[in-house]
């Protein structure tokens, strides 16, 4: 097991190392031509991880974007480089950690593709890329929370430290726990693609809620947030795979022409331009993350021009809801 200097952070967890070893052993026997490819990919990943985790923690960095780091300014310091336009002001530890996570995603995604004939290994390997996606999402959510006036200074300080711990270790246990509920939501959404119909979203939400089964966290969230317009709009974008603006456009045409429902095949003909969001395959973690980023960027644009519609993604709203409950 490779460990990192004085911080003792591991490039891969014990469970991941065992999984890689078992996979390489299977590949050596069943697919020897692919064994060397996988072995070399993980050798390079470990080398990259060693370099990344050798960088000091943000807590040991005196300046971030020309702001002196101290406990009172930690939140402001982190927000100072959260914008993509400040990329050259991003601490090297943060930038390299993101590169490591992307490399880790590709390495485990490769193994999952190579083990499609081994159901046990394939199932376990497939979970790691999703965990990487959740970690990348968590970083965005933390920045969103730090910029949210609804959070107290004490809560923001706690979240700032959690964000730094994420950068130091490459994982975030808080988000992994709560995003597993969103993972279930993605699976339920994928098994019940939108039928559109009257465009009220009730049938989609009902099918997804049934598939979610006994997930009380999700049920409580829906009850608490059911009257919140911003949450409802974000949920509709998630359910339909359309932007808030496209949903209004389709509903407007239904009303204008006196049409009571629209089919899945017809809905695209109701839109005059290319769809804003990509078509999502819930089995592909890359598509899930793309869809999240597309909605996040649309929310950012609405904030900038003061336009109506959701200002946060469903994932952000859900995680903020869970964080507030925990901090009460």
Protein backbone atom coordinates (compact mmCIF):
# COMPACT_ATOMS: atom_id res chain seq x y z
CA UNK A 1 0.00 0.00 0.00
CA UNK A 2 1.37 3.39 -0.96
CA UNK A 3 1.02 6.10 1.69
CA UNK A 4 1.73 9.77 1.39
CA UNK A 5 4.36 11.51 3.49
CA UNK A 6 3.46 12.98 6.85
CA UNK A 7 -0.30 13.20 6.08
CA UNK A 8 -0.57 9.41 5.51
CA UNK A 9 -3.22 9.88 2.81
CA UNK A 10 -3.62 6.88 0.55
CA UNK A 11 -3.76 7.17 -3.21
CA UNK A 12 -6.40 4.43 -3.19
CA UNK A 13 -8.37 3.12 -0.24
CA UNK A 14 -7.68 -0.36 1.13
CA UNK A 15 -10.90 -1.61 -0.49
CA UNK A 16 -9.95 -0.09 -3.86
CA UNK A 17 -6.45 -1.63 -3.72
CA UNK A 18 -7.93 -5.06 -3.00
CA UNK A 19 -10.41 -4.63 -5.84
CA UNK A 20 -7.67 -3.61 -8.29
CA UNK A 21 -5.52 -6.58 -7.23
CA UNK A 22 -8.39 -9.04 -7.73
CA UNK A 23 -9.19 -7.50 -11.11
CA UNK A 24 -5.60 -7.65 -12.33
CA UNK A 25 -5.41 -11.28 -11.20
CA UNK A 26 -8.56 -12.09 -13.18
CA UNK A 27 -7.32 -10.17 -16.22
CA UNK A 28 -3.98 -11.98 -16.14
CA UNK A 29 -5.84 -15.29 -16.40
CA UNK A 30 -8.78 -14.41 -18.65
CA UNK A 31 -7.62 -11.42 -20.70
CA UNK A 32 -3.80 -11.37 -20.59
CA UNK A 33 -3.65 -8.93 -23.51
CA UNK A 34 -5.48 -6.35 -21.36
CA UNK A 35 -3.63 -7.03 -18.10
CA UNK A 36 -0.58 -4.92 -19.01
CA UNK A 37 -2.81 -2.02 -20.12
CA UNK A 38 -4.65 -2.01 -16.78
CA UNK A 39 -1.50 -2.54 -14.73
CA UNK A 40 0.29 0.39 -16.39
CA UNK A 41 -2.76 2.64 -16.04
CA UNK A 42 -2.81 2.12 -12.28
CA UNK A 43 0.96 2.46 -11.97
CA UNK A 44 0.64 5.93 -13.50
CA UNK A 45 -2.38 6.72 -11.34
CA UNK A 46 -0.42 5.90 -8.18
CA UNK A 47 2.50 8.02 -9.36
CA UNK A 48 0.13 10.93 -10.00
CA UNK A 49 -1.55 10.41 -6.63
CA UNK A 50 1.81 10.45 -4.85
CA UNK A 51 2.60 13.82 -6.42
CA UNK A 52 -0.86 15.25 -5.69
CA UNK A 53 -1.01 14.24 -2.04
CA UNK A 54 2.54 15.47 -1.51
CA UNK A 55 1.26 19.05 -1.88
CA UNK A 56 0.57 20.70 1.49
CA UNK A 57 -2.97 21.14 2.75
CA UNK A 58 -4.73 24.44 2.05
CA UNK A 59 -4.56 24.95 5.82
CA UNK A 60 -0.79 25.10 5.47
CA UNK A 61 -0.96 27.59 2.58
CA UNK A 62 -0.47 31.16 3.73
CA UNK A 63 -2.11 32.95 0.79
CA UNK A 64 -5.03 32.02 -1.47
CA UNK A 65 -5.74 34.51 -4.26
CA UNK A 66 -3.70 37.16 -2.43
CA UNK A 67 -5.84 36.76 0.72
CA UNK A 68 -4.06 35.85 3.92
CA UNK A 69 -5.45 32.57 5.24
CA UNK A 70 -6.72 32.57 8.79
CA UNK A 71 -9.72 31.07 10.58
CA UNK A 72 -11.77 34.26 10.24
CA UNK A 73 -11.19 34.58 6.49
CA UNK A 74 -11.20 30.92 5.47
CA UNK A 75 -14.67 31.00 3.85
CA UNK A 76 -13.90 34.22 1.95
CA UNK A 77 -10.55 32.83 0.84
CA UNK A 78 -12.08 29.66 -0.61
CA UNK A 79 -14.86 31.54 -2.40
CA UNK A 80 -12.26 33.89 -3.90
CA UNK A 81 -11.06 31.26 -6.37
CA UNK A 82 -14.32 29.30 -6.87
CA UNK A 83 -15.04 31.00 -10.21
CA UNK A 84 -13.68 29.23 -13.32
CA UNK A 85 -12.33 32.63 -14.44
CA UNK A 86 -9.89 32.50 -11.52
CA UNK A 87 -8.29 29.25 -12.60
CA UNK A 88 -4.72 30.60 -12.43
CA UNK A 89 -5.35 31.67 -8.84
CA UNK A 90 -6.49 28.18 -7.82
CA UNK A 91 -4.09 26.54 -5.34
CA UNK A 92 -1.97 23.82 -6.94
CA UNK A 93 -3.29 21.25 -4.43
CA UNK A 94 -6.87 21.85 -5.60
CA UNK A 95 -6.05 21.86 -9.33
CA UNK A 96 -3.96 18.70 -9.12
CA UNK A 97 -6.56 16.91 -6.98
CA UNK A 98 -9.17 17.49 -9.67
CA UNK A 99 -6.77 16.03 -12.26
CA UNK A 100 -6.20 13.01 -10.03
CA UNK A 101 -9.95 12.42 -9.65
CA UNK A 102 -10.39 12.53 -13.43
CA UNK A 103 -7.51 10.07 -13.88
CA UNK A 104 -8.99 7.83 -11.18
CA UNK A 105 -12.36 7.95 -12.93
CA UNK A 106 -10.81 6.84 -16.24
CA UNK A 107 -8.73 4.09 -14.62
CA UNK A 108 -11.65 2.45 -12.85
CA UNK A 109 -13.98 3.02 -15.80
CA UNK A 110 -11.46 1.11 -17.93
CA UNK A 111 -11.47 -1.80 -15.47
CA UNK A 112 -15.27 -1.86 -15.42
CA UNK A 113 -15.30 -2.13 -19.22
CA UNK A 114 -12.69 -4.89 -19.22
CA UNK A 115 -14.63 -6.98 -16.68
CA UNK A 116 -18.03 -6.95 -18.38
CA UNK A 117 -17.90 -10.78 -18.39
CA UNK A 118 -17.33 -10.96 -14.63
CA UNK A 119 -20.51 -9.76 -12.96
CA UNK A 120 -19.09 -9.60 -9.44
CA UNK A 121 -16.02 -7.53 -10.30
CA UNK A 122 -17.90 -5.43 -12.85
CA UNK A 123 -20.54 -4.43 -10.31
CA UNK A 124 -17.96 -3.39 -7.70
CA UNK A 125 -15.76 -1.54 -10.19
CA UNK A 126 -18.71 0.36 -11.63
CA UNK A 127 -19.35 1.99 -8.24
CA UNK A 128 -15.97 3.77 -8.10
CA UNK A 129 -16.51 6.12 -11.08
CA UNK A 130 -19.88 7.09 -9.59
CA UNK A 131 -18.15 7.88 -6.29
CA UNK A 132 -15.69 10.13 -8.16
CA UNK A 133 -18.61 11.95 -9.79
CA UNK A 134 -20.24 12.45 -6.38
CA UNK A 135 -16.99 13.89 -5.05
CA UNK A 136 -16.73 16.35 -7.95
CA UNK A 137 -20.36 17.33 -7.41
CA UNK A 138 -19.70 17.79 -3.70
CA UNK A 139 -17.02 20.39 -4.42
CA UNK A 140 -19.57 22.47 -6.35
CA UNK A 141 -22.14 22.05 -3.59
CA UNK A 142 -19.68 23.15 -0.91
CA UNK A 143 -18.89 26.33 -2.85
CA UNK A 144 -22.63 26.94 -3.24
CA UNK A 145 -23.15 26.50 0.51
CA UNK A 146 -20.29 28.84 1.38
CA UNK A 147 -21.91 31.52 -0.78
CA UNK A 148 -25.39 30.97 0.70
CA UNK A 149 -26.60 33.63 3.18
CA UNK A 150 -28.92 31.06 4.82
CA UNK A 151 -25.94 29.29 6.39
CA UNK A 152 -24.55 30.62 9.68
CA UNK A 153 -20.86 31.60 9.96
CA UNK A 154 -20.27 28.57 12.22
CA UNK A 155 -21.83 26.21 9.68
CA UNK A 156 -19.83 27.78 6.86
CA UNK A 157 -16.65 27.36 8.88
CA UNK A 158 -17.47 23.66 9.35
CA UNK A 159 -18.21 23.26 5.63
CA UNK A 160 -15.00 25.08 4.68
CA UNK A 161 -13.03 22.57 6.74
CA UNK A 162 -14.98 19.70 5.16
CA UNK A 163 -14.11 21.05 1.71
CA UNK A 164 -10.43 21.24 2.62
CA UNK A 165 -10.58 17.68 3.95
CA UNK A 166 -12.04 16.65 0.59
CA UNK A 167 -9.05 18.22 -1.19
CA UNK A 168 -6.63 16.61 1.25
CA UNK A 169 -8.03 13.08 1.00
CA UNK A 170 -9.78 12.95 -2.39
CA UNK A 171 -13.03 11.72 -0.82
CA UNK A 172 -15.96 13.25 1.03
CA UNK A 173 -17.88 10.93 3.32
CA UNK A 174 -20.71 13.41 3.86
CA UNK A 175 -21.55 13.73 0.17
CA UNK A 176 -21.02 10.03 -0.55
CA UNK A 177 -23.57 9.17 2.14
CA UNK A 178 -26.22 11.62 0.96
CA UNK A 179 -25.51 11.36 -2.75
CA UNK A 180 -26.24 7.64 -2.54
CA UNK A 181 -29.88 8.72 -2.20
CA UNK A 182 -29.41 10.72 -5.40
CA UNK A 183 -27.82 7.63 -6.95
CA UNK A 184 -31.03 5.77 -6.18
CA UNK A 185 -32.93 8.68 -7.67
CA UNK A 186 -30.86 8.45 -10.86
CA UNK A 187 -31.52 4.72 -11.12
CA UNK A 188 -35.23 5.28 -10.61
CA UNK A 189 -35.24 8.08 -13.21
CA UNK A 190 -33.41 5.87 -15.68
CA UNK A 191 -35.88 3.02 -15.21
CA UNK A 192 -38.82 5.41 -15.69
CA UNK A 193 -37.92 7.87 -18.48
CA UNK A 194 -40.20 10.90 -18.81
CA UNK A 195 -43.48 10.30 -20.59
CA UNK A 196 -44.20 14.08 -20.63
CA UNK A 197 -47.97 13.72 -21.07
CA UNK A 198 -49.58 16.82 -19.55
CA UNK A 199 -46.13 18.16 -18.53
CA UNK A 200 -47.08 18.43 -14.85
CA UNK A 201 -44.43 15.90 -13.82
CA UNK A 202 -46.77 14.04 -11.46
CA UNK A 203 -46.56 10.69 -13.23
CA UNK A 204 -42.75 10.85 -13.45
CA UNK A 205 -42.44 11.80 -9.78
CA UNK A 206 -44.88 9.08 -8.72
CA UNK A 207 -43.00 6.37 -10.62
CA UNK A 208 -39.66 7.54 -9.26
CA UNK A 209 -40.98 7.76 -5.69
CA UNK A 210 -42.31 4.20 -5.98
CA UNK A 211 -38.93 3.00 -7.26
CA UNK A 212 -37.18 4.82 -4.40
CA UNK A 213 -39.11 2.55 -2.03
CA UNK A 214 -38.49 3.16 1.65
CA UNK A 215 -35.98 6.01 1.28
CA UNK A 216 -37.30 8.23 4.09
CA UNK A 217 -34.68 10.95 3.49
CA UNK A 218 -36.00 11.57 -0.01
CA UNK A 219 -39.62 11.36 1.16
CA UNK A 220 -38.98 13.92 3.93
CA UNK A 221 -37.23 16.20 1.45
CA UNK A 222 -40.20 16.15 -0.92
CA UNK A 223 -42.64 16.90 1.90
CA UNK A 224 -40.59 19.81 3.22
CA UNK A 225 -39.81 21.34 -0.18
CA UNK A 226 -43.03 20.63 -2.09
CA UNK A 227 -44.24 24.24 -1.84
CA UNK A 228 -40.90 25.81 -2.75
CA UNK A 229 -41.00 27.07 -6.35
CA UNK A 230 -37.24 26.92 -6.84
CA UNK A 231 -37.12 23.28 -5.71
CA UNK A 232 -40.11 22.40 -7.88
CA UNK A 233 -38.50 24.01 -10.94
CA UNK A 234 -35.19 22.23 -10.29
CA UNK A 235 -37.06 18.93 -9.85
CA UNK A 236 -38.93 19.45 -13.13
CA UNK A 237 -35.65 20.05 -14.99
CA UNK A 238 -34.29 16.84 -13.48
CA UNK A 239 -37.41 14.81 -14.29
CA UNK A 240 -37.98 16.02 -17.85
CA UNK A 241 -34.35 16.56 -18.92
CA UNK A 242 -35.42 19.96 -20.25
CA UNK A 243 -34.45 23.44 -19.12
CA UNK A 244 -36.94 25.60 -17.23
CA UNK A 245 -37.25 27.80 -20.32
CA UNK A 246 -37.96 24.80 -22.58
CA UNK A 247 -40.58 23.46 -20.18
CA UNK A 248 -42.38 26.84 -20.29
CA UNK A 249 -42.15 26.80 -24.09
CA UNK A 250 -43.70 23.34 -24.39
CA UNK A 251 -46.45 24.16 -21.87
CA UNK A 252 -47.17 27.39 -23.73
CA UNK A 253 -47.65 25.53 -27.00
CA UNK A 254 -49.90 22.96 -25.36
CA UNK A 255 -52.08 25.76 -24.03
CA UNK A 256 -52.00 27.78 -27.26
CA UNK A 257 -53.09 24.88 -29.46
CA UNK A 258 -55.46 23.33 -26.93
CA UNK A 259 -53.44 20.13 -26.73
CA UNK A 260 -53.86 18.18 -23.51
CA UNK A 261 -50.70 16.06 -23.68
CA UNK A 262 -47.51 15.53 -25.63
CA UNK A 263 -45.62 12.29 -26.25
CA UNK A 264 -41.94 11.64 -25.73
CA UNK A 265 -41.34 11.69 -29.49
CA UNK A 266 -43.31 14.89 -30.03
CA UNK A 267 -41.77 17.07 -27.35
CA UNK A 268 -38.61 17.87 -29.31
CA UNK A 269 -40.68 19.13 -32.24
CA UNK A 270 -42.19 21.68 -29.86
CA UNK A 271 -38.77 23.26 -29.34
CA UNK A 272 -37.41 25.61 -32.00
CA UNK A 273 -33.72 25.14 -31.20
CA UNK A 274 -31.32 22.44 -30.13
CA UNK A 275 -32.04 21.06 -26.66
CA UNK A 276 -30.21 22.92 -23.91
CA UNK A 277 -29.36 19.74 -21.98
CA UNK A 278 -27.84 16.51 -23.22
CA UNK A 279 -29.82 13.28 -23.31
CA UNK A 280 -28.99 11.48 -20.07
CA UNK A 281 -28.14 7.82 -19.64
CA UNK A 282 -28.34 7.11 -15.93
CA UNK A 283 -25.99 4.14 -16.31
CA UNK A 284 -23.15 6.39 -17.48
CA UNK A 285 -21.60 8.50 -14.69
CA UNK A 286 -20.14 10.87 -17.30
CA UNK A 287 -23.61 11.67 -18.63
CA UNK A 288 -24.89 12.25 -15.10
CA UNK A 289 -22.08 14.70 -14.36
CA UNK A 290 -22.53 16.44 -17.75
CA UNK A 291 -26.23 16.92 -17.00
CA UNK A 292 -25.41 18.30 -13.56
CA UNK A 293 -22.89 20.79 -14.98
CA UNK A 294 -25.26 21.90 -17.74
CA UNK A 295 -27.99 22.65 -15.20
CA UNK A 296 -25.52 24.30 -12.83
CA UNK A 297 -24.26 26.60 -15.60
CA UNK A 298 -27.84 27.48 -16.58
CA UNK A 299 -28.52 28.38 -12.93
CA UNK A 300 -25.42 30.56 -12.85
CA UNK A 301 -26.56 32.41 -15.98
CA UNK A 302 -30.02 33.03 -14.51
CA UNK A 303 -28.44 34.50 -11.39
CA UNK A 304 -26.21 36.76 -13.48
CA UNK A 305 -29.03 38.20 -15.61
CA UNK A 306 -31.68 38.01 -12.86
CA UNK A 307 -33.88 35.67 -14.92
CA UNK A 308 -36.71 33.51 -13.52
CA UNK A 309 -36.24 29.80 -12.97
CA UNK A 310 -34.21 27.54 -10.70
CA UNK A 311 -31.04 29.11 -9.31
CA UNK A 312 -29.65 25.83 -7.98
CA UNK A 313 -29.65 22.25 -9.23
CA UNK A 314 -31.72 19.57 -7.53
CA UNK A 315 -28.52 17.98 -6.24
CA UNK A 316 -27.42 21.25 -4.61
CA UNK A 317 -30.83 21.84 -3.04
CA UNK A 318 -31.03 18.30 -1.71
CA UNK A 319 -27.54 18.31 -0.19
CA UNK A 320 -28.10 21.74 1.36
CA UNK A 321 -31.32 20.43 2.89
CA UNK A 322 -29.43 17.49 4.42
CA UNK A 323 -26.59 19.71 5.69
CA UNK A 324 -29.03 22.13 7.37
CA UNK A 325 -30.76 19.23 9.14
CA UNK A 326 -27.44 17.90 10.38
CA UNK A 327 -26.29 21.28 11.66
CA UNK A 328 -29.50 21.97 13.62
